Amino acid sequence: MPEIKLNHAEVTGQLNNMKNALNALKLPSPSESAIGQNMLDFTEAWLDREENIHQLLSMYITAVEKNIEDTQSNIDSLKKQDEAITAS
């Protein structure tokens, strides 16, 4: 039966890379001042759509951050279990 080993340092490094990449994701909020005095139906619809995209990206970032935290917690638990097994 093949043995599966957890390389804690490697996984933690990859999670840190993911955190850094996630922190680099920045989408500025839509700015009404950027459209000037344009009060067309299109500009209003554009602002609404851009605000929705901004909210979705914020929710996505929050979900991925939670997944990263959960994964880190899980691999820390696995490492502790492995250490307890090998110590006994």
Protein backbone atom coordinates (compact mmCIF):
# COMPACT_ATOMS: atom_id res chain seq x y z
CA MET A 1 0.00 0.00 0.00
CA PRO A 2 1.50 3.37 -0.99
CA GLU A 3 2.34 5.76 1.79
CA ILE A 4 1.00 9.30 1.70
CA LYS A 5 3.11 11.89 3.45
CA LEU A 6 2.20 15.44 4.32
CA ASN A 7 4.95 17.91 3.54
CA HIS A 8 3.77 20.55 6.00
CA ALA A 9 6.34 23.16 5.00
CA GLU A 10 5.52 22.79 1.29
CA VAL A 11 1.77 23.04 1.82
CA THR A 12 2.17 26.02 4.15
CA GLY A 13 4.38 27.70 1.55
CA GLN A 14 1.76 27.15 -1.14
CA LEU A 15 -0.95 28.53 1.15
CA ASN A 16 1.17 31.61 1.78
CA ASN A 17 1.58 32.04 -1.98
CA MET A 18 -2.20 31.83 -2.31
CA LYS A 19 -2.65 34.47 0.40
CA ASN A 20 -0.22 36.79 -1.38
CA ALA A 21 -1.96 36.29 -4.71
CA LEU A 22 -5.32 36.91 -3.08
CA ASN A 23 -4.07 40.11 -1.47
CA ALA A 24 -2.96 41.29 -4.92
CA LEU A 25 -6.55 41.03 -6.19
CA LYS A 26 -7.85 44.57 -6.03
CA LEU A 27 -10.80 45.91 -7.93
CA PRO A 28 -11.52 49.51 -7.10
CA SER A 29 -15.11 50.43 -6.44
CA PRO A 30 -16.85 52.13 -9.34
CA SER A 31 -16.60 55.86 -9.10
CA GLU A 32 -19.45 58.13 -10.10
CA SER A 33 -16.99 60.97 -10.39
CA ALA A 34 -15.13 59.04 -13.11
CA ILE A 35 -18.11 59.30 -15.45
CA GLY A 36 -18.38 63.05 -15.13
CA GLN A 37 -21.76 64.57 -15.80
CA ASN A 38 -23.03 61.63 -17.87
CA MET A 39 -26.43 60.79 -16.48
CA LEU A 40 -27.48 58.36 -19.18
CA ASP A 41 -29.38 55.15 -18.51
CA PHE A 42 -26.27 53.30 -19.67
CA THR A 43 -24.01 54.94 -17.10
CA GLU A 44 -26.44 54.16 -14.30
CA ALA A 45 -26.69 50.53 -15.43
CA TRP A 46 -22.90 50.41 -15.75
CA LEU A 47 -22.41 51.69 -12.20
CA ASP A 48 -24.90 49.12 -10.87
CA ARG A 49 -23.19 46.30 -12.74
CA GLU A 50 -19.73 47.38 -11.59
CA GLU A 51 -20.89 47.61 -7.98
CA ASN A 52 -22.33 44.07 -8.24
CA ILE A 53 -19.03 42.80 -9.66
CA HIS A 54 -17.16 44.52 -6.83
CA GLN A 55 -19.43 42.91 -4.22
CA LEU A 56 -19.06 39.47 -5.81
CA LEU A 57 -15.27 39.78 -5.86
CA SER A 58 -15.28 40.83 -2.21
CA MET A 59 -17.43 37.82 -1.30
CA TYR A 60 -15.15 35.52 -3.33
CA ILE A 61 -12.03 36.86 -1.60
CA THR A 62 -13.65 36.33 1.80
CA ALA A 63 -14.59 32.74 0.90
CA VAL A 64 -11.10 31.93 -0.38
CA GLU A 65 -9.51 33.47 2.73
CA LYS A 66 -11.71 31.23 4.87
CA ASN A 67 -10.74 28.18 2.80
CA ILE A 68 -7.05 29.00 3.20
CA GLU A 69 -7.46 29.38 6.98
CA ASP A 70 -9.39 26.11 7.20
CA THR A 71 -6.80 24.28 5.11
CA GLN A 72 -3.96 25.64 7.27
CA SER A 73 -5.80 24.53 10.40
CA ASN A 74 -6.37 21.06 8.93
CA ILE A 75 -2.76 20.53 7.91
CA ASP A 76 -1.60 21.74 11.32
CA SER A 77 -3.91 19.15 12.91
CA LEU A 78 -2.61 16.43 10.60
CA LYS A 79 0.98 17.33 11.47
CA LYS A 80 0.21 17.11 15.20
CA GLN A 81 -1.50 13.75 14.72
CA ASP A 82 1.47 12.43 12.73
CA GLU A 83 3.86 13.62 15.42
CA ALA A 84 1.74 11.98 18.15
CA ILE A 85 1.64 8.70 16.21
CA THR A 86 5.38 8.62 15.59
CA ALA A 87 6.11 9.56 19.22
CA SER A 88 4.15 6.61 20.58
